[in-house]
Amino acid sequence: TVMDLGCGAGFASIGLAKLVGQEGLVIAADLQPEMLEMVSERARKAGLSDRIRIHQCQPDRIGIEGQLDFVVAFWMAHEVPDWQGFAKEIHALLKPEGRFFVAEPKMHISHEDFETTICEAQDMGLAMLERLRVRLSRAAVLSKVA
């Protein structure tokens, strides 16, 4: 079970749905209903509606129940007003040893600000696994400490 957090138009959601296979689930989560409509339509056209669940977040919380294997937050963490609360909620949602991929745009987020984001995620119980090279981004994969 994977969550595409801040999924926007769903480009990653569609790719993730192909990766998780017929037994997997992708939760496409966003604040904006218009974006979720786009994801729903894309999923229908791609024949992946059965693998993608649409979820509208609240401004101050993700608001889902359950346990996730993987969370993707691509170019959206800097828009979260309470990053510490957000990281805490992600930690609670992840299964033991679940993974969290976070990428932020270099043109908006300084190296220092990204390091603060990572440190705060670590303070919430997420351990650094790997820093990744992602075009135009600062990116890392963290894991829930079991």
C-alpha atoms as a PDB file:
ATOM      1  CA  THR A   1       0.000   0.000   0.000  1.00  0.00           C
ATOM      2  CA  VAL A   2       1.493   3.264  -1.204  1.00  0.00           C
ATOM      3  CA  MET A   3       0.378   6.846  -0.658  1.00  0.00           C
ATOM      4  CA  ASP A   4       1.125   9.534  -3.241  1.00  0.00           C
ATOM      5  CA  LEU A   5       0.830  12.536  -0.943  1.00  0.00           C
ATOM      6  CA  GLY A   6       0.126  15.810  -2.682  1.00  0.00           C
ATOM      7  CA  CYS A   7      -0.533  13.786  -5.816  1.00  0.00           C
ATOM      8  CA  GLY A   8      -1.515  16.736  -7.996  1.00  0.00           C
ATOM      9  CA  ALA A   9      -2.645  15.508 -11.412  1.00  0.00           C
ATOM     10  CA  GLY A  10      -1.575  11.964 -10.552  1.00  0.00           C
ATOM     11  CA  PHE A  11       1.439  11.364 -12.764  1.00  0.00           C
ATOM     12  CA  ALA A  12       3.211   9.452  -9.982  1.00  0.00           C
ATOM     13  CA  SER A  13      -0.018   7.765  -8.865  1.00  0.00           C
ATOM     14  CA  ILE A  14      -0.457   6.120 -12.259  1.00  0.00           C
ATOM     15  CA  GLY A  15       3.145   4.897 -12.334  1.00  0.00           C
ATOM     16  CA  LEU A  16       2.911   3.649  -8.768  1.00  0.00           C
ATOM     17  CA  ALA A  17      -0.315   1.790  -9.556  1.00  0.00           C
ATOM     18  CA  LYS A  18       1.504  -0.076 -12.311  1.00  0.00           C
ATOM     19  CA  LEU A  19       4.335  -0.934  -9.901  1.00  0.00           C
ATOM     20  CA  VAL A  20       2.156  -2.241  -7.058  1.00  0.00           C
ATOM     21  CA  GLY A  21       0.393  -4.686  -9.354  1.00  0.00           C
ATOM     22  CA  GLN A  22      -3.120  -6.064  -9.136  1.00  0.00           C
ATOM     23  CA  GLU A  23      -2.849  -6.878  -5.432  1.00  0.00           C
ATOM     24  CA  GLY A  24      -1.511  -3.442  -4.460  1.00  0.00           C
ATOM     25  CA  LEU A  25      -3.188  -0.155  -3.655  1.00  0.00           C
ATOM     26  CA  VAL A  26      -2.198   3.461  -4.239  1.00  0.00           C
ATOM     27  CA  ILE A  27      -3.849   6.167  -2.187  1.00  0.00           C
ATOM     28  CA  ALA A  28      -3.777   9.378  -4.214  1.00  0.00           C
ATOM     29  CA  ALA A  29      -4.073  12.119  -1.584  1.00  0.00           C
ATOM     30  CA  ASP A  30      -4.386  15.845  -2.184  1.00  0.00           C
ATOM     31  CA  LEU A  31      -6.106  18.913  -0.740  1.00  0.00           C
ATOM     32  CA  GLN A  32      -7.592  20.019  -4.045  1.00  0.00           C
ATOM     33  CA  PRO A  33     -10.709  18.235  -5.316  1.00  0.00           C
ATOM     34  CA  GLU A  34      -9.896  19.334  -8.891  1.00  0.00           C
ATOM     35  CA  MET A  35      -6.593  17.454  -8.745  1.00  0.00           C
ATOM     36  CA  LEU A  36      -8.287  14.358  -7.375  1.00  0.00           C
ATOM     37  CA  GLU A  37     -10.823  14.483 -10.216  1.00  0.00           C
ATOM     38  CA  MET A  38      -7.924  14.519 -12.676  1.00  0.00           C
ATOM     39  CA  VAL A  39      -6.310  11.513 -10.973  1.00  0.00           C
ATOM     40  CA  SER A  40      -9.587   9.640 -11.032  1.00  0.00           C
ATOM     41  CA  GLU A  41     -10.035  10.307 -14.753  1.00  0.00           C
ATOM     42  CA  ARG A  42      -6.424   9.346 -15.544  1.00  0.00           C
ATOM     43  CA  ALA A  43      -6.799   6.127 -13.555  1.00  0.00           C
ATOM     44  CA  ARG A  44     -10.014   5.276 -15.395  1.00  0.00           C
ATOM     45  CA  LYS A  45      -8.414   5.880 -18.803  1.00  0.00           C
ATOM     46  CA  ALA A  46      -5.372   3.784 -17.837  1.00  0.00           C
ATOM     47  CA  GLY A  47      -7.555   0.937 -16.569  1.00  0.00           C
ATOM     48  CA  LEU A  48      -6.142   1.320 -13.059  1.00  0.00           C
ATOM     49  CA  SER A  49      -9.169   2.581 -11.105  1.00  0.00           C
ATOM     50  CA  ASP A  50      -9.239  -0.625  -9.060  1.00  0.00           C
ATOM     51  CA  ARG A  51      -5.718   0.094  -7.757  1.00  0.00           C
ATOM     52  CA  ILE A  52      -6.071   3.808  -6.979  1.00  0.00           C
ATOM     53  CA  ARG A  53      -8.127   5.163  -4.098  1.00  0.00           C
ATOM     54  CA  ILE A  54      -8.765   8.908  -4.033  1.00  0.00           C
ATOM     55  CA  HIS A  55      -8.474  10.739  -0.705  1.00  0.00           C
ATOM     56  CA  GLN A  56      -8.956  14.424   0.025  1.00  0.00           C
ATOM     57  CA  CYS A  57      -6.673  15.586   2.840  1.00  0.00           C
ATOM     58  CA  GLN A  58      -7.469  18.331   5.291  1.00  0.00           C
ATOM     59  CA  PRO A  59      -5.256  21.436   5.430  1.00  0.00           C
ATOM     60  CA  ASP A  60      -3.881  20.402   8.834  1.00  0.00           C
ATOM     61  CA  ARG A  61      -3.760  16.620   8.519  1.00  0.00           C
ATOM     62  CA  ILE A  62      -3.651  13.731   6.076  1.00  0.00           C
ATOM     63  CA  GLY A  63      -6.622  12.045   7.711  1.00  0.00           C
ATOM     64  CA  ILE A  64      -6.436   8.384   6.739  1.00  0.00           C
ATOM     65  CA  GLU A  65      -6.406   5.200   8.787  1.00  0.00           C
ATOM     66  CA  GLY A  66      -4.338   2.107   8.186  1.00  0.00           C
ATOM     67  CA  GLN A  67      -0.757   1.123   7.611  1.00  0.00           C
ATOM     68  CA  LEU A  68       1.338   2.019   4.593  1.00  0.00           C
ATOM     69  CA  ASP A  69       4.401   0.398   3.060  1.00  0.00           C
ATOM     70  CA  PHE A  70       5.573   3.505   1.239  1.00  0.00           C
ATOM     71  CA  VAL A  71       4.775   7.227   1.168  1.00  0.00           C
ATOM     72  CA  VAL A  72       5.812   9.558  -1.662  1.00  0.00           C
ATOM     73  CA  ALA A  73       5.938  13.321  -1.032  1.00  0.00           C
ATOM     74  CA  PHE A  74       7.239  14.879  -4.241  1.00  0.00           C
ATOM     75  CA  TRP A  75       7.702  18.665  -4.226  1.00  0.00           C
ATOM     76  CA  MET A  76       5.021  19.269  -1.631  1.00  0.00           C
ATOM     77  CA  ALA A  77       6.486  19.110   1.892  1.00  0.00           C
ATOM     78  CA  HIS A  78       7.488  22.789   1.758  1.00  0.00           C
ATOM     79  CA  GLU A  79       3.794  23.685   1.412  1.00  0.00           C
ATOM     80  CA  VAL A  80       2.803  21.957   4.662  1.00  0.00           C
ATOM     81  CA  PRO A  81       2.184  24.538   7.413  1.00  0.00           C
ATOM     82  CA  ASP A  82       3.056  22.135  10.275  1.00  0.00           C
ATOM     83  CA  TRP A  83       5.890  19.942   9.025  1.00  0.00           C
ATOM     84  CA  GLN A  84       6.530  18.363  12.439  1.00  0.00           C
ATOM     85  CA  GLY A  85       2.885  17.328  12.783  1.00  0.00           C
ATOM     86  CA  PHE A  86       2.956  16.077   9.204  1.00  0.00           C
ATOM     87  CA  ALA A  87       6.089  13.959   9.827  1.00  0.00           C
ATOM     88  CA  LYS A  88       4.516  12.573  12.999  1.00  0.00           C
ATOM     89  CA  GLU A  89       1.387  11.554  11.071  1.00  0.00           C
ATOM     90  CA  ILE A  90       3.476   9.890   8.347  1.00  0.00           C
ATOM     91  CA  HIS A  91       5.418   8.005  11.014  1.00  0.00           C
ATOM     92  CA  ALA A  92       2.139   6.750  12.532  1.00  0.00           C
ATOM     93  CA  LEU A  93       0.871   5.610   9.116  1.00  0.00           C
ATOM     94  CA  LEU A  94       3.980   3.684   8.100  1.00  0.00           C
ATOM     95  CA  LYS A  95       4.324  -0.007   8.851  1.00  0.00           C
ATOM     96  CA  PRO A  96       7.486  -0.999  10.721  1.00  0.00           C
ATOM     97  CA  GLU A  97      10.359  -0.428   8.294  1.00  0.00           C
ATOM     98  CA  GLY A  98       7.980   1.373   5.899  1.00  0.00           C
ATOM     99  CA  ARG A  99       9.664   3.873   3.608  1.00  0.00           C
ATOM    100  CA  PHE A 100       9.158   7.602   3.062  1.00  0.00           C
ATOM    101  CA  PHE A 101      10.469   9.272  -0.094  1.00  0.00           C
ATOM    102  CA  VAL A 102      10.662  13.045   0.111  1.00  0.00           C
ATOM    103  CA  ALA A 103      11.848  15.316  -2.696  1.00  0.00           C
ATOM    104  CA  GLU A 104      11.861  19.086  -2.701  1.00  0.00           C
ATOM    105  CA  PRO A 105      12.584  21.523  -5.566  1.00  0.00           C
ATOM    106  CA  LYS A 106      16.089  22.995  -5.480  1.00  0.00           C
ATOM    107  CA  MET A 107      14.804  26.278  -6.886  1.00  0.00           C
ATOM    108  CA  HIS A 108      12.552  26.831  -3.837  1.00  0.00           C
ATOM    109  CA  ILE A 109      14.221  24.930  -0.998  1.00  0.00           C
ATOM    110  CA  SER A 110      17.761  25.634   0.121  1.00  0.00           C
ATOM    111  CA  HIS A 111      20.122  22.887   1.198  1.00  0.00           C
ATOM    112  CA  GLU A 112      19.824  24.130   4.789  1.00  0.00           C
ATOM    113  CA  ASP A 113      16.011  24.098   4.713  1.00  0.00           C
ATOM    114  CA  PHE A 114      15.986  20.570   3.294  1.00  0.00           C
ATOM    115  CA  GLU A 115      18.369  19.435   6.031  1.00  0.00           C
ATOM    116  CA  THR A 116      16.010  20.936   8.621  1.00  0.00           C
ATOM    117  CA  THR A 117      13.148  18.985   7.053  1.00  0.00           C
ATOM    118  CA  ILE A 118      15.150  15.766   7.259  1.00  0.00           C
ATOM    119  CA  CYS A 119      16.240  16.425  10.852  1.00  0.00           C
ATOM    120  CA  GLU A 120      12.658  17.060  11.924  1.00  0.00           C
ATOM    121  CA  ALA A 121      11.539  13.828  10.227  1.00  0.00           C
ATOM    122  CA  GLN A 122      14.311  12.015  12.095  1.00  0.00           C
ATOM    123  CA  ASP A 123      13.128  13.593  15.353  1.00  0.00           C
ATOM    124  CA  MET A 124       9.724  11.993  14.674  1.00  0.00           C
ATOM    125  CA  GLY A 125      11.259   8.509  14.403  1.00  0.00           C
ATOM    126  CA  LEU A 126      12.223   8.247  10.748  1.00  0.00           C
ATOM    127  CA  ALA A 127      15.770   7.122   9.982  1.00  0.00           C
ATOM    128  CA  MET A 128      17.776   8.240   6.970  1.00  0.00           C
ATOM    129  CA  LEU A 129      18.313   5.376   4.550  1.00  0.00           C
ATOM    130  CA  GLU A 130      19.619   7.078   1.444  1.00  0.00           C
ATOM    131  CA  ARG A 131      20.041  10.419  -0.236  1.00  0.00           C
ATOM    132  CA  LEU A 132      19.016  10.270  -3.854  1.00  0.00           C
ATOM    133  CA  ARG A 133      19.911  12.221  -6.945  1.00  0.00           C
ATOM    134  CA  VAL A 134      16.669  13.391  -8.514  1.00  0.00           C
ATOM    135  CA  ARG A 135      16.804  15.992 -11.253  1.00  0.00           C
ATOM    136  CA  LEU A 136      16.186  19.532  -9.964  1.00  0.00           C
ATOM    137  CA  SER A 137      15.495  18.146  -6.481  1.00  0.00           C
ATOM    138  CA  ARG A 138      16.866  17.476  -3.055  1.00  0.00           C
ATOM    139  CA  ALA A 139      15.691  13.979  -2.172  1.00  0.00           C
ATOM    140  CA  ALA A 140      15.972  11.276   0.455  1.00  0.00           C
ATOM    141  CA  VAL A 141      14.436   8.000   1.512  1.00  0.00           C
ATOM    142  CA  LEU A 142      13.715   7.526   5.206  1.00  0.00           C
ATOM    143  CA  SER A 143      12.462   4.476   7.048  1.00  0.00           C
ATOM    144  CA  LYS A 144      10.295   4.017  10.096  1.00  0.00           C
ATOM    145  CA  VAL A 145      12.469   2.784  12.910  1.00  0.00           C
ATOM    146  CA  ALA A 146      11.050  -0.589  13.931  1.00  0.00           C
END
